[in-house]
Amino acid sequence: VQLQASGGGLVQAGGSLRLSCAASVRTFSRYSMGWFRQAPGKEREFVAAITWSGGGSTSYADSVKGRFTISRDNAKNSVYLQMNALKPEDTAAYFCAGAPIGSTWSTWGQGTQVTVSS
């Protein structure tokens, strides 16, 4: 399984970005998918996740609730992160990750850099 993240960039505070993550796996619908981020000098932290099940339940870190939205398109083997009202503290490398049914986050993509200027 390979994950390819894209969509990062430089944006002013208050702006928006949409990250995408494409998965090369036939059983994508059986993976829960998530986004994590890591700022310089800090540990990687959870941002958002969406389950594999048909309903696609979502969860978010408190710091992004109400501003970020995770979604998936199983027909395109892709997961997205819509980021609105961005803040300088959202600056980080963002990683997508996949968890097969009954497993933990075992598959990681390369990071895509998001930089929010004040």
PDB file of N, CA and C in Angstrom:
ATOM      1  N   VAL A   1       0.849  -1.185   0.000  1.00  0.00           N
ATOM      2  CA  VAL A   1       0.000   0.000   0.000  1.00  0.00           C
ATOM      3  C   VAL A   1       0.885   1.236   0.000  1.00  0.00           C
ATOM      4  N   GLN A   2       0.570   2.156  -0.880  1.00  0.00           N
ATOM      5  CA  GLN A   2       1.283   3.436  -0.919  1.00  0.00           C
ATOM      6  C   GLN A   2       0.286   4.572  -0.818  1.00  0.00           C
ATOM      7  N   LEU A   3       0.674   5.608  -0.072  1.00  0.00           N
ATOM      8  CA  LEU A   3      -0.154   6.788   0.088  1.00  0.00           C
ATOM      9  C   LEU A   3       0.613   7.987  -0.426  1.00  0.00           C
ATOM     10  N   GLN A   4      -0.047   8.798  -1.228  1.00  0.00           N
ATOM     11  CA  GLN A   4       0.577   9.976  -1.823  1.00  0.00           C
ATOM     12  C   GLN A   4      -0.229  11.210  -1.443  1.00  0.00           C
ATOM     13  N   ALA A   5       0.358  12.041  -0.587  1.00  0.00           N
ATOM     14  CA  ALA A   5      -0.313  13.262  -0.140  1.00  0.00           C
ATOM     15  C   ALA A   5       0.091  14.434  -1.008  1.00  0.00           C
ATOM     16  N   SER A   6      -0.832  15.371  -1.173  1.00  0.00           N
ATOM     17  CA  SER A   6      -0.566  16.573  -1.957  1.00  0.00           C
ATOM     18  C   SER A   6      -1.485  17.692  -1.500  1.00  0.00           C
ATOM     19  N   GLY A   7      -1.213  18.900  -1.993  1.00  0.00           N
ATOM     20  CA  GLY A   7      -2.095  20.022  -1.721  1.00  0.00           C
ATOM     21  C   GLY A   7      -1.572  21.039  -0.731  1.00  0.00           C
ATOM     22  N   GLY A   8      -0.419  20.776  -0.145  1.00  0.00           N
ATOM     23  CA  GLY A   8       0.138  21.735   0.797  1.00  0.00           C
ATOM     24  C   GLY A   8       0.596  23.001   0.092  1.00  0.00           C
ATOM     25  N   GLY A   9       0.936  24.008   0.898  1.00  0.00           N
ATOM     26  CA  GLY A   9       1.410  25.260   0.327  1.00  0.00           C
ATOM     27  C   GLY A   9       1.493  26.338   1.364  1.00  0.00           C
ATOM     28  N   LEU A  10       1.694  27.550   0.874  1.00  0.00           N
ATOM     29  CA  LEU A  10       1.788  28.732   1.727  1.00  0.00           C
ATOM     30  C   LEU A  10       0.484  29.518   1.617  1.00  0.00           C
ATOM     31  N   VAL A  11      -0.089  29.856   2.763  1.00  0.00           N
ATOM     32  CA  VAL A  11      -1.360  30.575   2.781  1.00  0.00           C
ATOM     33  C   VAL A  11      -1.343  31.559   3.938  1.00  0.00           C
ATOM     34  N   GLN A  12      -2.074  32.639   3.786  1.00  0.00           N
ATOM     35  CA  GLN A  12      -2.172  33.611   4.869  1.00  0.00           C
ATOM     36  C   GLN A  12      -3.161  33.137   5.928  1.00  0.00           C
ATOM     37  N   ALA A  13      -2.973  33.616   7.122  1.00  0.00           N
ATOM     38  CA  ALA A  13      -3.904  33.284   8.206  1.00  0.00           C
ATOM     39  C   ALA A  13      -5.326  33.645   7.782  1.00  0.00           C
ATOM     40  N   GLY A  14      -6.247  32.742   8.092  1.00  0.00           N
ATOM     41  CA  GLY A  14      -7.633  32.919   7.695  1.00  0.00           C
ATOM     42  C   GLY A  14      -7.978  32.262   6.373  1.00  0.00           C
ATOM     43  N   GLY A  15      -6.958  31.838   5.653  1.00  0.00           N
ATOM     44  CA  GLY A  15      -7.173  31.225   4.356  1.00  0.00           C
ATOM     45  C   GLY A  15      -7.516  29.749   4.445  1.00  0.00           C
ATOM     46  N   SER A  16      -7.603  29.116   3.286  1.00  0.00           N
ATOM     47  CA  SER A  16      -8.008  27.716   3.202  1.00  0.00           C
ATOM     48  C   SER A  16      -7.061  26.931   2.301  1.00  0.00           C
ATOM     49  N   LEU A  17      -6.960  25.647   2.588  1.00  0.00           N
ATOM     50  CA  LEU A  17      -6.251  24.693   1.740  1.00  0.00           C
ATOM     51  C   LEU A  17      -7.002  23.380   1.775  1.00  0.00           C
ATOM     52  N   ARG A  18      -6.840  22.605   0.720  1.00  0.00           N
ATOM     53  CA  ARG A  18      -7.429  21.261   0.678  1.00  0.00           C
ATOM     54  C   ARG A  18      -6.326  20.266   0.383  1.00  0.00           C
ATOM     55  N   LEU A  19      -6.095  19.380   1.319  1.00  0.00           N
ATOM     56  CA  LEU A  19      -5.112  18.325   1.135  1.00  0.00           C
ATOM     57  C   LEU A  19      -5.787  17.090   0.557  1.00  0.00           C
ATOM     58  N   SER A  20      -5.050  16.379  -0.272  1.00  0.00           N
ATOM     59  CA  SER A  20      -5.530  15.136  -0.851  1.00  0.00           C
ATOM     60  C   SER A  20      -4.536  14.025  -0.571  1.00  0.00           C
ATOM     61  N   CYS A  21      -5.038  12.816  -0.477  1.00  0.00           N
ATOM     62  CA  CYS A  21      -4.182  11.646  -0.280  1.00  0.00           C
ATOM     63  C   CYS A  21      -4.743  10.516  -1.137  1.00  0.00           C
ATOM     64  N   ALA A  22      -3.948  10.063  -2.084  1.00  0.00           N
ATOM     65  CA  ALA A  22      -4.359   8.984  -2.970  1.00  0.00           C
ATOM     66  C   ALA A  22      -3.710   7.681  -2.525  1.00  0.00           C
ATOM     67  N   ALA A  23      -4.497   6.619  -2.479  1.00  0.00           N
ATOM     68  CA  ALA A  23      -3.998   5.327  -2.018  1.00  0.00           C
ATOM     69  C   ALA A  23      -3.952   4.331  -3.162  1.00  0.00           C
ATOM     70  N   SER A  24      -2.865   3.602  -3.217  1.00  0.00           N
ATOM     71  CA  SER A  24      -2.735   2.558  -4.237  1.00  0.00           C
ATOM     72  C   SER A  24      -3.023   1.210  -3.598  1.00  0.00           C
ATOM     73  N   VAL A  25      -4.283   0.940  -3.356  1.00  0.00           N
ATOM     74  CA  VAL A  25      -4.696  -0.311  -2.758  1.00  0.00           C
ATOM     75  C   VAL A  25      -6.104  -0.624  -3.234  1.00  0.00           C
ATOM     76  N   ARG A  26      -6.381  -1.885  -3.545  1.00  0.00           N
ATOM     77  CA  ARG A  26      -7.702  -2.246  -4.074  1.00  0.00           C
ATOM     78  C   ARG A  26      -8.765  -2.264  -2.985  1.00  0.00           C
ATOM     79  N   THR A  27      -8.335  -2.468  -1.742  1.00  0.00           N
ATOM     80  CA  THR A  27      -9.299  -2.578  -0.651  1.00  0.00           C
ATOM     81  C   THR A  27      -9.362  -1.303   0.165  1.00  0.00           C
ATOM     82  N   PHE A  28      -9.274  -0.161  -0.501  1.00  0.00           N
ATOM     83  CA  PHE A  28      -9.232   1.133   0.189  1.00  0.00           C
ATOM     84  C   PHE A  28     -10.425   1.311   1.114  1.00  0.00           C
ATOM     85  N   SER A  29     -11.586   0.838   0.697  1.00  0.00           N
ATOM     86  CA  SER A  29     -12.802   1.038   1.493  1.00  0.00           C
ATOM     87  C   SER A  29     -12.740   0.312   2.832  1.00  0.00           C
ATOM     88  N   ARG A  30     -11.779  -0.612   2.984  1.00  0.00           N
ATOM     89  CA  ARG A  30     -11.637  -1.342   4.226  1.00  0.00           C
ATOM     90  C   ARG A  30     -10.542  -0.762   5.121  1.00  0.00           C
ATOM     91  N   TYR A  31     -10.113   0.453   4.796  1.00  0.00           N
ATOM     92  CA  TYR A  31      -9.120   1.162   5.595  1.00  0.00           C
ATOM     93  C   TYR A  31      -9.756   2.375   6.247  1.00  0.00           C
ATOM     94  N   SER A  32      -9.539   2.537   7.545  1.00  0.00           N
ATOM     95  CA  SER A  32      -9.778   3.841   8.144  1.00  0.00           C
ATOM     96  C   SER A  32      -8.614   4.734   7.724  1.00  0.00           C
ATOM     97  N   MET A  33      -8.901   6.006   7.501  1.00  0.00           N
ATOM     98  CA  MET A  33      -7.869   6.924   7.033  1.00  0.00           C
ATOM     99  C   MET A  33      -7.758   8.111   7.974  1.00  0.00           C
ATOM    100  N   GLY A  34      -6.560   8.628   8.097  1.00  0.00           N
ATOM    101  CA  GLY A  34      -6.364   9.742   9.008  1.00  0.00           C
ATOM    102  C   GLY A  34      -5.338  10.727   8.499  1.00  0.00           C
ATOM    103  N   TRP A  35      -5.354  11.876   9.121  1.00  0.00           N
ATOM    104  CA  TRP A  35      -4.356  12.909   8.882  1.00  0.00           C
ATOM    105  C   TRP A  35      -3.655  13.231  10.200  1.00  0.00           C
ATOM    106  N   PHE A  36      -2.364  13.352  10.129  1.00  0.00           N
ATOM    107  CA  PHE A  36      -1.539  13.730  11.268  1.00  0.00           C
ATOM    108  C   PHE A  36      -0.649  14.890  10.827  1.00  0.00           C
ATOM    109  N   ARG A  37      -0.075  15.587  11.791  1.00  0.00           N
ATOM    110  CA  ARG A  37       0.836  16.673  11.425  1.00  0.00           C
ATOM    111  C   ARG A  37       1.995  16.735  12.416  1.00  0.00           C
ATOM    112  N   GLN A  38       3.096  17.292  11.929  1.00  0.00           N
ATOM    113  CA  GLN A  38       4.278  17.436  12.764  1.00  0.00           C
ATOM    114  C   GLN A  38       4.941  18.764  12.473  1.00  0.00           C
ATOM    115  N   ALA A  39       5.009  19.581  13.491  1.00  0.00           N
ATOM    116  CA  ALA A  39       5.682  20.873  13.380  1.00  0.00           C
ATOM    117  C   ALA A  39       7.142  20.707  13.802  1.00  0.00           C
ATOM    118  N   PRO A  40       8.022  21.577  13.353  1.00  0.00           N
ATOM    119  CA  PRO A  40       9.445  21.467  13.716  1.00  0.00           C
ATOM    120  C   PRO A  40       9.635  21.444  15.224  1.00  0.00           C
ATOM    121  N   GLY A  41      10.403  20.469  15.699  1.00  0.00           N
ATOM    122  CA  GLY A  41      10.691  20.372  17.120  1.00  0.00           C
ATOM    123  C   GLY A  41       9.570  19.795  17.955  1.00  0.00           C
ATOM    124  N   LYS A  42       8.491  19.357  17.306  1.00  0.00           N
ATOM    125  CA  LYS A  42       7.352  18.808  18.042  1.00  0.00           C
ATOM    126  C   LYS A  42       7.067  17.387  17.597  1.00  0.00           C
ATOM    127  N   GLU A  43       6.337  16.665  18.433  1.00  0.00           N
ATOM    128  CA  GLU A  43       5.956  15.305  18.079  1.00  0.00           C
ATOM    129  C   GLU A  43       4.802  15.334  17.065  1.00  0.00           C
ATOM    130  N   ARG A  44       4.696  14.228  16.328  1.00  0.00           N
ATOM    131  CA  ARG A  44       3.583  14.092  15.396  1.00  0.00           C
ATOM    132  C   ARG A  44       2.287  14.004  16.188  1.00  0.00           C
ATOM    133  N   GLU A  45       1.252  14.698  15.724  1.00  0.00           N
ATOM    134  CA  GLU A  45      -0.016  14.697  16.430  1.00  0.00           C
ATOM    135  C   GLU A  45      -1.176  14.368  15.500  1.00  0.00           C
ATOM    136  N   PHE A  46      -2.203  13.798  16.075  1.00  0.00           N
ATOM    137  CA  PHE A  46      -3.416  13.444  15.357  1.00  0.00           C
ATOM    138  C   PHE A  46      -4.171  14.708  14.967  1.00  0.00           C
ATOM    139  N   VAL A  47      -4.728  14.712  13.759  1.00  0.00           N
ATOM    140  CA  VAL A  47      -5.534  15.841  13.287  1.00  0.00           C
ATOM    141  C   VAL A  47      -6.981  15.398  13.066  1.00  0.00           C
ATOM    142  N   ALA A  48      -7.182  14.358  12.256  1.00  0.00           N
ATOM    143  CA  ALA A  48      -8.539  13.934  11.921  1.00  0.00           C
ATOM    144  C   ALA A  48      -8.505  12.517  11.390  1.00  0.00           C
ATOM    145  N   ALA A  49      -9.650  11.822  11.499  1.00  0.00           N
ATOM    146  CA  ALA A  49      -9.749  10.462  10.985  1.00  0.00           C
ATOM    147  C   ALA A  49     -11.159  10.204  10.501  1.00  0.00           C
ATOM    148  N   ILE A  50     -11.264   9.250   9.586  1.00  0.00           N
ATOM    149  CA  ILE A  50     -12.559   8.816   9.074  1.00  0.00           C
ATOM    150  C   ILE A  50     -12.517   7.309   8.975  1.00  0.00           C
ATOM    151  N   THR A  51     -13.554   6.651   9.467  1.00  0.00           N
ATOM    152  CA  THR A  51     -13.536   5.202   9.538  1.00  0.00           C
ATOM    153  C   THR A  51     -13.781   4.561   8.186  1.00  0.00           C
ATOM    154  N   TRP A  52     -13.510   3.239   8.143  1.00  0.00           N
ATOM    155  CA  TRP A  52     -13.665   2.483   6.910  1.00  0.00           C
ATOM    156  C   TRP A  52     -15.122   2.157   6.620  1.00  0.00           C
ATOM    157  N   SER A  53     -15.942   2.147   7.635  1.00  0.00           N
ATOM    158  CA  SER A  53     -17.311   1.675   7.483  1.00  0.00           C
ATOM    159  C   SER A  53     -18.106   2.591   6.565  1.00  0.00           C
ATOM    160  N   GLY A  54     -19.234   2.080   6.090  1.00  0.00           N
ATOM    161  CA  GLY A  54     -20.011   2.811   5.112  1.00  0.00           C
ATOM    162  C   GLY A  54     -20.396   4.200   5.553  1.00  0.00           C
ATOM    163  N   GLY A  55     -20.663   4.363   6.853  1.00  0.00           N
ATOM    164  CA  GLY A  55     -21.054   5.678   7.331  1.00  0.00           C
ATOM    165  C   GLY A  55     -19.929   6.677   7.396  1.00  0.00           C
ATOM    166  N   GLY A  56     -18.706   6.178   7.480  1.00  0.00           N
ATOM    167  CA  GLY A  56     -17.555   7.073   7.514  1.00  0.00           C
ATOM    168  C   GLY A  56     -17.588   8.017   8.685  1.00  0.00           C
ATOM    169  N   SER A  57     -17.639   7.480   9.908  1.00  0.00           N
ATOM    170  CA  SER A  57     -17.615   8.329  11.096  1.00  0.00           C
ATOM    171  C   SER A  57     -16.309   9.098  11.160  1.00  0.00           C
ATOM    172  N   THR A  58     -16.394  10.342  11.628  1.00  0.00           N
ATOM    173  CA  THR A  58     -15.214  11.205  11.678  1.00  0.00           C
ATOM    174  C   THR A  58     -14.868  11.592  13.110  1.00  0.00           C
ATOM    175  N   SER A  59     -13.604  11.916  13.311  1.00  0.00           N
ATOM    176  CA  SER A  59     -13.148  12.425  14.597  1.00  0.00           C
ATOM    177  C   SER A  59     -12.071  13.465  14.333  1.00  0.00           C
ATOM    178  N   TYR A  60     -11.937  14.414  15.258  1.00  0.00           N
ATOM    179  CA  TYR A  60     -11.019  15.535  15.072  1.00  0.00           C
ATOM    180  C   TYR A  60     -10.297  15.872  16.375  1.00  0.00           C
ATOM    181  N   ALA A  61      -9.110  16.391  16.216  1.00  0.00           N
ATOM    182  CA  ALA A  61      -8.433  16.988  17.359  1.00  0.00           C
ATOM    183  C   ALA A  61      -9.182  18.252  17.760  1.00  0.00           C
ATOM    184  N   ASP A  62      -9.186  18.545  19.052  1.00  0.00           N
ATOM    185  CA  ASP A  62      -9.901  19.727  19.528  1.00  0.00           C
ATOM    186  C   ASP A  62      -9.418  21.000  18.844  1.00  0.00           C
ATOM    187  N   SER A  63      -8.149  21.040  18.524  1.00  0.00           N
ATOM    188  CA  SER A  63      -7.556  22.249  17.960  1.00  0.00           C
ATOM    189  C   SER A  63      -8.049  22.573  16.552  1.00  0.00           C
ATOM    190  N   VAL A  64      -8.658  21.596  15.880  1.00  0.00           N
ATOM    191  CA  VAL A  64      -9.103  21.829  14.498  1.00  0.00           C
ATOM    192  C   VAL A  64     -10.606  21.681  14.331  1.00  0.00           C
ATOM    193  N   LYS A  65     -11.303  21.288  15.378  1.00  0.00           N
ATOM    194  CA  LYS A  65     -12.756  21.108  15.276  1.00  0.00           C
ATOM    195  C   LYS A  65     -13.432  22.396  14.817  1.00  0.00           C
ATOM    196  N   GLY A  66     -14.350  22.248  13.883  1.00  0.00           N
ATOM    197  CA  GLY A  66     -15.061  23.400  13.363  1.00  0.00           C
ATOM    198  C   GLY A  66     -14.343  24.126  12.252  1.00  0.00           C
ATOM    199  N   ARG A  67     -13.074  23.785  12.025  1.00  0.00           N
ATOM    200  CA  ARG A  67     -12.300  24.444  10.957  1.00  0.00           C
ATOM    201  C   ARG A  67     -11.887  23.462   9.872  1.00  0.00           C
ATOM    202  N   PHE A  68     -11.588  22.221  10.257  1.00  0.00           N
ATOM    203  CA  PHE A  68     -11.129  21.209   9.303  1.00  0.00           C
ATOM    204  C   PHE A  68     -12.233  20.177   9.085  1.00  0.00           C
ATOM    205  N   THR A  69     -12.286  19.631   7.870  1.00  0.00           N
ATOM    206  CA  THR A  69     -13.242  18.577   7.547  1.00  0.00           C
ATOM    207  C   THR A  69     -12.531  17.479   6.775  1.00  0.00           C
ATOM    208  N   ILE A  70     -12.636  16.257   7.276  1.00  0.00           N
ATOM    209  CA  ILE A  70     -12.071  15.112   6.584  1.00  0.00           C
ATOM    210  C   ILE A  70     -13.184  14.406   5.815  1.00  0.00           C
ATOM    211  N   SER A  71     -12.847  13.937   4.622  1.00  0.00           N
ATOM    212  CA  SER A  71     -13.814  13.207   3.807  1.00  0.00           C
ATOM    213  C   SER A  71     -13.063  12.176   2.964  1.00  0.00           C
ATOM    214  N   ARG A  72     -13.805  11.258   2.388  1.00  0.00           N
ATOM    215  CA  ARG A  72     -13.177  10.238   1.553  1.00  0.00           C
ATOM    216  C   ARG A  72     -14.051   9.941   0.344  1.00  0.00           C
ATOM    217  N   ASP A  73     -13.417   9.497  -0.717  1.00  0.00           N
ATOM    218  CA  ASP A  73     -14.098   9.053  -1.924  1.00  0.00           C
ATOM    219  C   ASP A  73     -13.546   7.670  -2.243  1.00  0.00           C
ATOM    220  N   ASN A  74     -14.276   6.648  -1.867  1.00  0.00           N
ATOM    221  CA  ASN A  74     -13.776   5.280  -2.057  1.00  0.00           C
ATOM    222  C   ASN A  74     -13.637   4.924  -3.534  1.00  0.00           C
ATOM    223  N   ALA A  75     -14.442   5.542  -4.391  1.00  0.00           N
ATOM    224  CA  ALA A  75     -14.343   5.264  -5.827  1.00  0.00           C
ATOM    225  C   ALA A  75     -13.029   5.781  -6.399  1.00  0.00           C
ATOM    226  N   LYS A  76     -12.462   6.797  -5.746  1.00  0.00           N
ATOM    227  CA  LYS A  76     -11.191   7.377  -6.204  1.00  0.00           C
ATOM    228  C   LYS A  76     -10.025   6.979  -5.305  1.00  0.00           C
ATOM    229  N   ASN A  77     -10.280   6.097  -4.343  1.00  0.00           N
ATOM    230  CA  ASN A  77      -9.214   5.692  -3.409  1.00  0.00           C
ATOM    231  C   ASN A  77      -8.521   6.904  -2.791  1.00  0.00           C
ATOM    232  N   SER A  78      -9.317   7.864  -2.360  1.00  0.00           N
ATOM    233  CA  SER A  78      -8.733   9.109  -1.880  1.00  0.00           C
ATOM    234  C   SER A  78      -9.403   9.590  -0.597  1.00  0.00           C
ATOM    235  N   VAL A  79      -8.613  10.302   0.178  1.00  0.00           N
ATOM    236  CA  VAL A  79      -9.106  10.965   1.379  1.00  0.00           C
ATOM    237  C   VAL A  79      -8.660  12.424   1.312  1.00  0.00           C
ATOM    238  N   TYR A  80      -9.477  13.301   1.863  1.00  0.00           N
ATOM    239  CA  TYR A  80      -9.227  14.728   1.749  1.00  0.00           C
ATOM    240  C   TYR A  80      -9.276  15.391   3.131  1.00  0.00           C
ATOM    241  N   LEU A  81      -8.616  16.524   3.230  1.00  0.00           N
ATOM    242  CA  LEU A  81      -8.698  17.341   4.437  1.00  0.00           C
ATOM    243  C   LEU A  81      -8.909  18.782   3.999  1.00  0.00           C
ATOM    244  N   GLN A  82     -10.124  19.263   4.190  1.00  0.00           N
ATOM    245  CA  GLN A  82     -10.431  20.663   3.900  1.00  0.00           C
ATOM    246  C   GLN A  82     -10.092  21.473   5.141  1.00  0.00           C
ATOM    247  N   MET A  83      -9.206  22.439   4.979  1.00  0.00           N
ATOM    248  CA  MET A  83      -8.744  23.243   6.107  1.00  0.00           C
ATOM    249  C   MET A  83      -9.152  24.689   5.882  1.00  0.00           C
ATOM    250  N   ASN A  84     -10.008  25.193   6.751  1.00  0.00           N
ATOM    251  CA  ASN A  84     -10.481  26.573   6.669  1.00  0.00           C
ATOM    252  C   ASN A  84     -10.014  27.352   7.890  1.00  0.00           C
ATOM    253  N   ALA A  85     -10.083  28.651   7.791  1.00  0.00           N
ATOM    254  CA  ALA A  85      -9.707  29.527   8.912  1.00  0.00           C
ATOM    255  C   ALA A  85      -8.350  29.141   9.474  1.00  0.00           C
ATOM    256  N   LEU A  86      -7.401  28.963   8.605  1.00  0.00           N
ATOM    257  CA  LEU A  86      -6.079  28.499   9.027  1.00  0.00           C
ATOM    258  C   LEU A  86      -5.389  29.518   9.926  1.00  0.00           C
ATOM    259  N   LYS A  87      -4.615  28.984  10.860  1.00  0.00           N
ATOM    260  CA  LYS A  87      -3.877  29.795  11.822  1.00  0.00           C
ATOM    261  C   LYS A  87      -2.387  29.500  11.693  1.00  0.00           C
ATOM    262  N   PRO A  88      -1.539  30.430  12.097  1.00  0.00           N
ATOM    263  CA  PRO A  88      -0.095  30.157  12.031  1.00  0.00           C
ATOM    264  C   PRO A  88       0.293  28.879  12.775  1.00  0.00           C
ATOM    265  N   GLU A  89      -0.407  28.557  13.836  1.00  0.00           N
ATOM    266  CA  GLU A  89      -0.080  27.347  14.585  1.00  0.00           C
ATOM    267  C   GLU A  89      -0.466  26.068  13.855  1.00  0.00           C
ATOM    268  N   ASP A  90      -1.139  26.167  12.723  1.00  0.00           N
ATOM    269  CA  ASP A  90      -1.421  24.994  11.891  1.00  0.00           C
ATOM    270  C   ASP A  90      -0.231  24.651  10.988  1.00  0.00           C
ATOM    271  N   THR A  91       0.780  25.493  10.985  1.00  0.00           N
ATOM    272  CA  THR A  91       1.961  25.244  10.172  1.00  0.00           C
ATOM    273  C   THR A  91       2.636  23.940  10.595  1.00  0.00           C
ATOM    274  N   ALA A  92       2.799  23.034   9.636  1.00  0.00           N
ATOM    275  CA  ALA A  92       3.372  21.722   9.922  1.00  0.00           C
ATOM    276  C   ALA A  92       3.466  20.923   8.632  1.00  0.00           C
ATOM    277  N   ALA A  93       4.173  19.814   8.712  1.00  0.00           N
ATOM    278  CA  ALA A  93       4.098  18.813   7.656  1.00  0.00           C
ATOM    279  C   ALA A  93       2.911  17.915   7.965  1.00  0.00           C
ATOM    280  N   TYR A  94       2.047  17.729   6.986  1.00  0.00           N
ATOM    281  CA  TYR A  94       0.836  16.932   7.170  1.00  0.00           C
ATOM    282  C   TYR A  94       1.014  15.577   6.482  1.00  0.00           C
ATOM    283  N   PHE A  95       0.658  14.522   7.213  1.00  0.00           N
ATOM    284  CA  PHE A  95       0.824  13.157   6.735  1.00  0.00           C
ATOM    285  C   PHE A  95      -0.528  12.453   6.712  1.00  0.00           C
ATOM    286  N   CYS A  96      -0.780  11.687   5.665  1.00  0.00           N
ATOM    287  CA  CYS A  96      -1.957  10.826   5.697  1.00  0.00           C
ATOM    288  C   CYS A  96      -1.520   9.432   6.122  1.00  0.00           C
ATOM    289  N   ALA A  97      -2.441   8.715   6.730  1.00  0.00           N
ATOM    290  CA  ALA A  97      -2.145   7.379   7.240  1.00  0.00           C
ATOM    291  C   ALA A  97      -3.358   6.490   7.054  1.00  0.00           C
ATOM    292  N   GLY A  98      -3.092   5.202   6.949  1.00  0.00           N
ATOM    293  CA  GLY A  98      -4.158   4.230   6.772  1.00  0.00           C
ATOM    294  C   GLY A  98      -4.091   3.132   7.814  1.00  0.00           C
ATOM    295  N   ALA A  99      -5.259   2.668   8.246  1.00  0.00           N
ATOM    296  CA  ALA A  99      -5.350   1.590   9.216  1.00  0.00           C
ATOM    297  C   ALA A  99      -6.325   0.536   8.698  1.00  0.00           C
ATOM    298  N   PRO A 100      -5.811  -0.661   8.372  1.00  0.00           N
ATOM    299  CA  PRO A 100      -6.722  -1.729   7.942  1.00  0.00           C
ATOM    300  C   PRO A 100      -7.656  -2.109   9.083  1.00  0.00           C
ATOM    301  N   ILE A 101      -8.750  -2.771   8.750  1.00  0.00           N
ATOM    302  CA  ILE A 101      -9.703  -3.184   9.774  1.00  0.00           C
ATOM    303  C   ILE A 101      -8.990  -3.965  10.872  1.00  0.00           C
ATOM    304  N   GLY A 102      -9.219  -3.566  12.103  1.00  0.00           N
ATOM    305  CA  GLY A 102      -8.648  -4.284  13.235  1.00  0.00           C
ATOM    306  C   GLY A 102      -7.191  -3.985  13.510  1.00  0.00           C
ATOM    307  N   SER A 103      -6.625  -3.019  12.797  1.00  0.00           N
ATOM    308  CA  SER A 103      -5.213  -2.704  12.983  1.00  0.00           C
ATOM    309  C   SER A 103      -5.039  -1.231  13.335  1.00  0.00           C
ATOM    310  N   THR A 104      -3.810  -0.879  13.612  1.00  0.00           N
ATOM    311  CA  THR A 104      -3.493   0.510  13.928  1.00  0.00           C
ATOM    312  C   THR A 104      -2.998   1.212  12.668  1.00  0.00           C
ATOM    313  N   TRP A 105      -2.554   2.466  12.827  1.00  0.00           N
ATOM    314  CA  TRP A 105      -2.046   3.239  11.696  1.00  0.00           C
ATOM    315  C   TRP A 105      -0.742   2.603  11.232  1.00  0.00           C
ATOM    316  N   SER A 106      -0.825   1.793  10.204  1.00  0.00           N
ATOM    317  CA  SER A 106       0.318   1.008   9.762  1.00  0.00           C
ATOM    318  C   SER A 106       0.900   1.472   8.445  1.00  0.00           C
ATOM    319  N   THR A 107       0.178   2.321   7.743  1.00  0.00           N
ATOM    320  CA  THR A 107       0.646   2.783   6.434  1.00  0.00           C
ATOM    321  C   THR A 107       0.676   4.300   6.432  1.00  0.00           C
ATOM    322  N   TRP A 108       1.817   4.859   6.023  1.00  0.00           N
ATOM    323  CA  TRP A 108       2.010   6.315   6.060  1.00  0.00           C
ATOM    324  C   TRP A 108       2.468   6.815   4.699  1.00  0.00           C
ATOM    325  N   GLY A 109       1.967   7.987   4.358  1.00  0.00           N
ATOM    326  CA  GLY A 109       2.434   8.659   3.163  1.00  0.00           C
ATOM    327  C   GLY A 109       3.541   9.640   3.511  1.00  0.00           C
ATOM    328  N   GLN A 110       4.114  10.241   2.481  1.00  0.00           N
ATOM    329  CA  GLN A 110       5.108  11.280   2.738  1.00  0.00           C
ATOM    330  C   GLN A 110       4.372  12.551   3.152  1.00  0.00           C
ATOM    331  N   GLY A 111       5.006  13.447   3.806  1.00  0.00           N
ATOM    332  CA  GLY A 111       4.358  14.660   4.263  1.00  0.00           C
ATOM    333  C   GLY A 111       4.180  15.687   3.163  1.00  0.00           C
ATOM    334  N   THR A 112       3.187  16.537   3.350  1.00  0.00           N
ATOM    335  CA  THR A 112       3.016  17.702   2.495  1.00  0.00           C
ATOM    336  C   THR A 112       3.024  18.927   3.409  1.00  0.00           C
ATOM    337  N   GLN A 113       3.830  19.908   3.075  1.00  0.00           N
ATOM    338  CA  GLN A 113       4.061  21.039   3.958  1.00  0.00           C
ATOM    339  C   GLN A 113       2.953  22.081   3.849  1.00  0.00           C
ATOM    340  N   VAL A 114       2.448  22.482   4.998  1.00  0.00           N
ATOM    341  CA  VAL A 114       1.479  23.582   5.081  1.00  0.00           C
ATOM    342  C   VAL A 114       2.120  24.688   5.910  1.00  0.00           C
ATOM    343  N   THR A 115       2.192  25.867   5.348  1.00  0.00           N
ATOM    344  CA  THR A 115       2.755  27.021   6.050  1.00  0.00           C
ATOM    345  C   THR A 115       1.730  28.142   6.052  1.00  0.00           C
ATOM    346  N   VAL A 116       1.391  28.598   7.251  1.00  0.00           N
ATOM    347  CA  VAL A 116       0.401  29.656   7.403  1.00  0.00           C
ATOM    348  C   VAL A 116       1.106  30.901   7.930  1.00  0.00           C
ATOM    349  N   SER A 117       1.070  31.955   7.161  1.00  0.00           N
ATOM    350  CA  SER A 117       1.733  33.198   7.563  1.00  0.00           C
ATOM    351  C   SER A 117       0.757  34.112   8.297  1.00  0.00           C
ATOM    352  N   SER A 118       1.296  34.863   9.239  1.00  0.00           N
ATOM    353  CA  SER A 118       0.427  35.761  10.028  1.00  0.00           C
ATOM    354  C   SER A 118       0.307  37.118   9.378  1.00  0.00           C
TER     355      SER A 118
END
